[in-house]
Amino acid sequence: MLVTLNAMSTPHENIPAEFLSALRALRPDRMPSRLALEEIRAPQSITPYAAALAGEVHQSRTDSDVLADGSLTLLYSPTPVEEWDGKFRFAAIVRAMIDDDMARDPLLYEVSRTWIRDSLASTGAAFNELRGTVTVLNQESLTESGSGELESTLELRASWTPICDNSDTIYWEFKHHLESWINLLFTTAGSPMLYFQQ
């Protein structure tokens, strides 16, 4: 995996070993056929080290229509960050188009928050300091003849601090966090969670 750093001048050999272990975990052991992943530049951060992935869930192996998309960002500070209660922080975004009935459902927000917790529980990912938001974005296109179709998008944002016993287990434990985000992508796309379930 390519190392994406906010501090681009940092020589590769000076990158902390535990961050490199975390980076190696950001690649699934098996790639689901409907999932597309790519490494992207991490957003600017208060930490010197960050890496990010973008993902899409497609309709099928042969149909590239996108049912859900999002990103997973890993942040790292060599010294613990008080607000995180740790050195690492995951930040996830997942989006999917939804129909009008779903957009108006008063239970949507509660159910979507449950998806976030369920995706973490599905892989046994240990975490604390979970925070997030659920947003419904309504967009109406504009044409010369007037207003066009109304489209609604569900957007989930969540961040959490992974709990890791020690630096030797970062790779294996962070795999669970990657798999949790993938499960959240599939759930938001209206699909069952994947083989990562325990």
C-alpha atoms as a PDB file:
ATOM      1  CA  MET A   1       0.000   0.000   0.000  1.00  0.00           C
ATOM      2  CA  LEU A   2       1.209   3.476  -0.768  1.00  0.00           C
ATOM      3  CA  VAL A   3       1.882   5.610   2.274  1.00  0.00           C
ATOM      4  CA  THR A   4      -0.129   8.824   2.214  1.00  0.00           C
ATOM      5  CA  LEU A   5       1.254  11.399   4.625  1.00  0.00           C
ATOM      6  CA  ASN A   6       0.310  14.952   5.433  1.00  0.00           C
ATOM      7  CA  ALA A   7       3.980  15.512   6.324  1.00  0.00           C
ATOM      8  CA  MET A   8       5.246  14.539   2.880  1.00  0.00           C
ATOM      9  CA  SER A   9       8.835  15.377   3.770  1.00  0.00           C
ATOM     10  CA  THR A  10       8.981  12.545   6.313  1.00  0.00           C
ATOM     11  CA  PRO A  11      11.485   9.932   5.056  1.00  0.00           C
ATOM     12  CA  HIS A  12       9.952   6.477   4.748  1.00  0.00           C
ATOM     13  CA  GLU A  13      12.448   4.986   7.196  1.00  0.00           C
ATOM     14  CA  ASN A  14      11.364   7.501   9.844  1.00  0.00           C
ATOM     15  CA  ILE A  15       7.694   6.540   9.756  1.00  0.00           C
ATOM     16  CA  PRO A  16       6.734   4.914  13.089  1.00  0.00           C
ATOM     17  CA  ALA A  17       6.540   1.130  12.916  1.00  0.00           C
ATOM     18  CA  GLU A  18       3.077   0.988  14.463  1.00  0.00           C
ATOM     19  CA  PHE A  19       1.693   3.313  11.784  1.00  0.00           C
ATOM     20  CA  LEU A  20       3.215   1.108   9.082  1.00  0.00           C
ATOM     21  CA  SER A  21       1.566  -1.923  10.703  1.00  0.00           C
ATOM     22  CA  ALA A  22      -1.763  -0.087  10.627  1.00  0.00           C
ATOM     23  CA  LEU A  23      -1.292   0.795   6.956  1.00  0.00           C
ATOM     24  CA  ARG A  24      -0.675  -2.830   6.030  1.00  0.00           C
ATOM     25  CA  ALA A  25      -4.006  -3.695   7.638  1.00  0.00           C
ATOM     26  CA  LEU A  26      -5.884  -1.389   5.248  1.00  0.00           C
ATOM     27  CA  ARG A  27      -6.213  -4.019   2.564  1.00  0.00           C
ATOM     28  CA  PRO A  28      -8.829  -6.779   2.742  1.00  0.00           C
ATOM     29  CA  ASP A  29      -7.589 -10.356   2.641  1.00  0.00           C
ATOM     30  CA  ARG A  30     -10.296 -11.127   0.094  1.00  0.00           C
ATOM     31  CA  MET A  31     -11.885  -8.556  -2.204  1.00  0.00           C
ATOM     32  CA  PRO A  32     -15.671  -8.949  -2.534  1.00  0.00           C
ATOM     33  CA  SER A  33     -16.643  -9.001  -6.210  1.00  0.00           C
ATOM     34  CA  ARG A  34     -19.023  -6.008  -5.874  1.00  0.00           C
ATOM     35  CA  LEU A  35     -16.542  -3.857  -3.965  1.00  0.00           C
ATOM     36  CA  ALA A  36     -14.075  -1.409  -5.536  1.00  0.00           C
ATOM     37  CA  LEU A  37     -11.348   0.102  -3.334  1.00  0.00           C
ATOM     38  CA  GLU A  38      -8.652   2.642  -4.088  1.00  0.00           C
ATOM     39  CA  GLU A  39      -6.112   4.578  -2.105  1.00  0.00           C
ATOM     40  CA  ILE A  40      -6.764   8.312  -2.012  1.00  0.00           C
ATOM     41  CA  ARG A  41      -4.990  11.291  -0.541  1.00  0.00           C
ATOM     42  CA  ALA A  42      -5.922  11.691   3.091  1.00  0.00           C
ATOM     43  CA  PRO A  43      -7.654  14.941   4.063  1.00  0.00           C
ATOM     44  CA  GLN A  44      -5.651  17.530   5.934  1.00  0.00           C
ATOM     45  CA  SER A  45      -5.432  16.610   9.570  1.00  0.00           C
ATOM     46  CA  ILE A  46      -4.162  17.816  12.906  1.00  0.00           C
ATOM     47  CA  THR A  47      -1.917  14.753  12.936  1.00  0.00           C
ATOM     48  CA  PRO A  48       1.270  14.306  10.897  1.00  0.00           C
ATOM     49  CA  TYR A  49       0.333  10.824   9.658  1.00  0.00           C
ATOM     50  CA  ALA A  50      -2.820   9.865   7.770  1.00  0.00           C
ATOM     51  CA  ALA A  51      -3.960   7.438   5.086  1.00  0.00           C
ATOM     52  CA  ALA A  52      -7.292   6.974   3.342  1.00  0.00           C
ATOM     53  CA  LEU A  53      -9.289   4.591   1.176  1.00  0.00           C
ATOM     54  CA  ALA A  54     -12.303   5.222  -1.040  1.00  0.00           C
ATOM     55  CA  GLY A  55     -14.806   2.463  -1.674  1.00  0.00           C
ATOM     56  CA  GLU A  56     -17.840   1.729  -3.836  1.00  0.00           C
ATOM     57  CA  VAL A  57     -20.386  -1.073  -3.734  1.00  0.00           C
ATOM     58  CA  HIS A  58     -21.622  -1.895  -7.233  1.00  0.00           C
ATOM     59  CA  GLN A  59     -24.910  -3.415  -8.292  1.00  0.00           C
ATOM     60  CA  SER A  60     -23.213  -6.622  -9.393  1.00  0.00           C
ATOM     61  CA  ARG A  61     -19.970  -7.973 -10.786  1.00  0.00           C
ATOM     62  CA  THR A  62     -21.041  -6.905 -14.280  1.00  0.00           C
ATOM     63  CA  ASP A  63     -23.214  -3.864 -13.415  1.00  0.00           C
ATOM     64  CA  SER A  64     -21.113  -0.890 -12.314  1.00  0.00           C
ATOM     65  CA  ASP A  65     -24.047   1.153 -10.955  1.00  0.00           C
ATOM     66  CA  VAL A  66     -22.955   2.438  -7.533  1.00  0.00           C
ATOM     67  CA  LEU A  67     -25.259   1.540  -4.639  1.00  0.00           C
ATOM     68  CA  ALA A  68     -23.100   3.090  -1.914  1.00  0.00           C
ATOM     69  CA  ASP A  69     -19.769   4.851  -1.681  1.00  0.00           C
ATOM     70  CA  GLY A  70     -17.581   6.344   0.993  1.00  0.00           C
ATOM     71  CA  SER A  71     -14.154   6.707   2.514  1.00  0.00           C
ATOM     72  CA  LEU A  72     -12.174   5.462   5.473  1.00  0.00           C
ATOM     73  CA  THR A  73      -9.409   7.632   6.927  1.00  0.00           C
ATOM     74  CA  LEU A  74      -6.828   6.482   9.440  1.00  0.00           C
ATOM     75  CA  LEU A  75      -5.210   9.178  11.571  1.00  0.00           C
ATOM     76  CA  TYR A  76      -2.143   8.649  13.746  1.00  0.00           C
ATOM     77  CA  SER A  77      -0.281  10.710  16.300  1.00  0.00           C
ATOM     78  CA  PRO A  78       2.987   9.446  17.824  1.00  0.00           C
ATOM     79  CA  THR A  79       1.733  10.760  21.158  1.00  0.00           C
ATOM     80  CA  PRO A  80      -1.793  10.088  22.466  1.00  0.00           C
ATOM     81  CA  VAL A  81      -4.470  12.647  21.600  1.00  0.00           C
ATOM     82  CA  GLU A  82      -6.612  13.472  24.613  1.00  0.00           C
ATOM     83  CA  GLU A  83      -9.878  13.850  22.660  1.00  0.00           C
ATOM     84  CA  TRP A  84      -9.320  10.444  21.052  1.00  0.00           C
ATOM     85  CA  ASP A  85      -8.089   8.637  24.149  1.00  0.00           C
ATOM     86  CA  GLY A  86      -5.388   7.071  21.990  1.00  0.00           C
ATOM     87  CA  LYS A  87      -2.877   7.481  19.172  1.00  0.00           C
ATOM     88  CA  PHE A  88      -5.103   6.241  16.336  1.00  0.00           C
ATOM     89  CA  ARG A  89      -8.460   7.417  15.042  1.00  0.00           C
ATOM     90  CA  PHE A  90     -10.663   6.060  12.255  1.00  0.00           C
ATOM     91  CA  ALA A  91     -13.038   8.400  10.404  1.00  0.00           C
ATOM     92  CA  ALA A  92     -15.624   6.874   8.068  1.00  0.00           C
ATOM     93  CA  ILE A  93     -18.084   8.312   5.572  1.00  0.00           C
ATOM     94  CA  VAL A  94     -20.735   6.269   3.759  1.00  0.00           C
ATOM     95  CA  ARG A  95     -23.341   7.581   1.299  1.00  0.00           C
ATOM     96  CA  ALA A  96     -26.199   6.013  -0.638  1.00  0.00           C
ATOM     97  CA  MET A  97     -29.131   7.229  -2.695  1.00  0.00           C
ATOM     98  CA  ILE A  98     -32.469   6.537  -1.019  1.00  0.00           C
ATOM     99  CA  ASP A  99     -36.070   6.761  -2.187  1.00  0.00           C
ATOM    100  CA  ASP A 100     -38.565   9.377  -1.002  1.00  0.00           C
ATOM    101  CA  ASP A 101     -40.343   7.033   1.408  1.00  0.00           C
ATOM    102  CA  MET A 102     -37.109   6.128   3.130  1.00  0.00           C
ATOM    103  CA  ALA A 103     -36.032   9.777   3.272  1.00  0.00           C
ATOM    104  CA  ARG A 104     -39.277  10.654   5.097  1.00  0.00           C
ATOM    105  CA  ASP A 105     -39.136   7.714   7.505  1.00  0.00           C
ATOM    106  CA  PRO A 106     -38.765   9.120  11.050  1.00  0.00           C
ATOM    107  CA  LEU A 107     -36.961   5.941  12.132  1.00  0.00           C
ATOM    108  CA  LEU A 108     -34.237   6.317   9.475  1.00  0.00           C
ATOM    109  CA  TYR A 109     -31.875   8.201  11.757  1.00  0.00           C
ATOM    110  CA  GLU A 110     -32.191   5.712  14.593  1.00  0.00           C
ATOM    111  CA  VAL A 111     -31.807   2.725  12.278  1.00  0.00           C
ATOM    112  CA  SER A 112     -28.789   4.234  10.540  1.00  0.00           C
ATOM    113  CA  ARG A 113     -27.034   4.844  13.853  1.00  0.00           C
ATOM    114  CA  THR A 114     -27.639   1.180  14.631  1.00  0.00           C
ATOM    115  CA  TRP A 115     -25.925   0.207  11.352  1.00  0.00           C
ATOM    116  CA  ILE A 116     -22.739   1.929  12.530  1.00  0.00           C
ATOM    117  CA  ARG A 117     -22.635   0.048  15.819  1.00  0.00           C
ATOM    118  CA  ASP A 118     -23.711  -3.225  14.226  1.00  0.00           C
ATOM    119  CA  SER A 119     -20.958  -3.027  11.601  1.00  0.00           C
ATOM    120  CA  LEU A 120     -18.317  -2.644  14.324  1.00  0.00           C
ATOM    121  CA  ALA A 121     -19.855  -5.445  16.371  1.00  0.00           C
ATOM    122  CA  SER A 122     -20.048  -7.729  13.324  1.00  0.00           C
ATOM    123  CA  THR A 123     -16.269  -8.097  13.170  1.00  0.00           C
ATOM    124  CA  GLY A 124     -15.486  -7.827  16.862  1.00  0.00           C
ATOM    125  CA  ALA A 125     -13.683  -4.502  16.383  1.00  0.00           C
ATOM    126  CA  ALA A 126     -12.797  -3.062  19.784  1.00  0.00           C
ATOM    127  CA  PHE A 127     -13.311   0.695  20.050  1.00  0.00           C
ATOM    128  CA  ASN A 128     -14.209   3.642  22.225  1.00  0.00           C
ATOM    129  CA  GLU A 129     -15.046   7.335  21.816  1.00  0.00           C
ATOM    130  CA  LEU A 130     -17.528   6.624  19.004  1.00  0.00           C
ATOM    131  CA  ARG A 131     -19.048   9.768  17.497  1.00  0.00           C
ATOM    132  CA  GLY A 132     -21.057  10.325  14.350  1.00  0.00           C
ATOM    133  CA  THR A 133     -23.866  11.964  12.446  1.00  0.00           C
ATOM    134  CA  VAL A 134     -26.671  10.794  10.180  1.00  0.00           C
ATOM    135  CA  THR A 135     -27.773  13.248   7.488  1.00  0.00           C
ATOM    136  CA  VAL A 136     -30.352  13.143   4.702  1.00  0.00           C
ATOM    137  CA  LEU A 137     -29.426  15.445   1.807  1.00  0.00           C
ATOM    138  CA  ASN A 138     -32.216  16.486  -0.566  1.00  0.00           C
ATOM    139  CA  GLN A 139     -31.225  17.808  -3.972  1.00  0.00           C
ATOM    140  CA  GLU A 140     -33.495  19.034  -6.737  1.00  0.00           C
ATOM    141  CA  SER A 141     -32.082  19.525 -10.201  1.00  0.00           C
ATOM    142  CA  LEU A 142     -32.737  22.740 -12.119  1.00  0.00           C
ATOM    143  CA  THR A 143     -33.652  22.808 -15.805  1.00  0.00           C
ATOM    144  CA  GLU A 144     -34.755  25.534 -18.209  1.00  0.00           C
ATOM    145  CA  SER A 145     -38.318  24.285 -17.975  1.00  0.00           C
ATOM    146  CA  GLY A 146     -38.297  24.471 -14.198  1.00  0.00           C
ATOM    147  CA  SER A 147     -37.427  22.141 -11.353  1.00  0.00           C
ATOM    148  CA  GLY A 148     -36.384  18.595 -12.053  1.00  0.00           C
ATOM    149  CA  GLU A 149     -36.307  15.394 -10.074  1.00  0.00           C
ATOM    150  CA  LEU A 150     -35.764  15.372  -6.330  1.00  0.00           C
ATOM    151  CA  GLU A 151     -32.949  13.095  -5.193  1.00  0.00           C
ATOM    152  CA  SER A 152     -32.223  12.108  -1.596  1.00  0.00           C
ATOM    153  CA  THR A 153     -28.900  10.877  -0.252  1.00  0.00           C
ATOM    154  CA  LEU A 154     -28.268   9.247   3.108  1.00  0.00           C
ATOM    155  CA  GLU A 155     -24.878  10.157   4.559  1.00  0.00           C
ATOM    156  CA  LEU A 156     -23.345   8.490   7.602  1.00  0.00           C
ATOM    157  CA  ARG A 157     -20.262   9.925   9.283  1.00  0.00           C
ATOM    158  CA  ALA A 158     -18.573   8.195  12.177  1.00  0.00           C
ATOM    159  CA  SER A 159     -15.256   8.285  13.965  1.00  0.00           C
ATOM    160  CA  TRP A 160     -13.873   6.063  16.688  1.00  0.00           C
ATOM    161  CA  THR A 161     -10.670   5.152  18.486  1.00  0.00           C
ATOM    162  CA  PRO A 162      -9.537   1.563  17.932  1.00  0.00           C
ATOM    163  CA  ILE A 163      -8.568  -0.307  21.083  1.00  0.00           C
ATOM    164  CA  CYS A 164      -5.356  -2.238  20.621  1.00  0.00           C
ATOM    165  CA  ASP A 165      -3.705  -4.433  23.256  1.00  0.00           C
ATOM    166  CA  ASN A 166      -0.186  -3.719  22.056  1.00  0.00           C
ATOM    167  CA  SER A 167       1.775  -2.705  18.971  1.00  0.00           C
ATOM    168  CA  ASP A 168       2.315  -6.350  17.961  1.00  0.00           C
ATOM    169  CA  THR A 169      -1.426  -6.872  17.364  1.00  0.00           C
ATOM    170  CA  ILE A 170      -2.167  -3.656  15.463  1.00  0.00           C
ATOM    171  CA  TYR A 171      -2.203  -5.371  12.055  1.00  0.00           C
ATOM    172  CA  TRP A 172      -4.701  -8.075  13.052  1.00  0.00           C
ATOM    173  CA  GLU A 173      -6.929  -5.856  15.155  1.00  0.00           C
ATOM    174  CA  PHE A 174      -7.082  -3.047  12.587  1.00  0.00           C
ATOM    175  CA  LYS A 175      -8.197  -5.572   9.961  1.00  0.00           C
ATOM    176  CA  HIS A 176     -11.454  -5.775  11.903  1.00  0.00           C
ATOM    177  CA  HIS A 177     -11.952  -2.010  11.622  1.00  0.00           C
ATOM    178  CA  LEU A 178     -11.447  -2.079   7.850  1.00  0.00           C
ATOM    179  CA  GLU A 179     -13.903  -4.967   7.587  1.00  0.00           C
ATOM    180  CA  SER A 180     -16.415  -3.076   9.747  1.00  0.00           C
ATOM    181  CA  TRP A 181     -16.345  -0.120   7.362  1.00  0.00           C
ATOM    182  CA  ILE A 182     -16.819  -2.472   4.403  1.00  0.00           C
ATOM    183  CA  ASN A 183     -19.795  -4.041   6.180  1.00  0.00           C
ATOM    184  CA  LEU A 184     -21.229  -0.566   6.753  1.00  0.00           C
ATOM    185  CA  LEU A 185     -20.859   0.161   3.027  1.00  0.00           C
ATOM    186  CA  PHE A 186     -22.772  -2.998   2.123  1.00  0.00           C
ATOM    187  CA  THR A 187     -25.462  -2.431   4.755  1.00  0.00           C
ATOM    188  CA  THR A 188     -26.056   1.131   3.532  1.00  0.00           C
ATOM    189  CA  ALA A 189     -26.250  -0.244  -0.008  1.00  0.00           C
ATOM    190  CA  GLY A 190     -29.110  -2.477   1.120  1.00  0.00           C
ATOM    191  CA  SER A 191     -27.044  -5.657   1.058  1.00  0.00           C
ATOM    192  CA  PRO A 192     -26.252  -8.201   3.773  1.00  0.00           C
ATOM    193  CA  MET A 193     -23.025  -7.860   5.717  1.00  0.00           C
ATOM    194  CA  LEU A 194     -20.167  -9.936   4.346  1.00  0.00           C
ATOM    195  CA  TYR A 195     -18.098 -12.939   5.372  1.00  0.00           C
ATOM    196  CA  PHE A 196     -16.405 -10.855   8.069  1.00  0.00           C
ATOM    197  CA  GLN A 197     -19.229 -11.665  10.490  1.00  0.00           C
ATOM    198  CA  GLN A 198     -18.166 -13.716  13.481  1.00  0.00           C
END
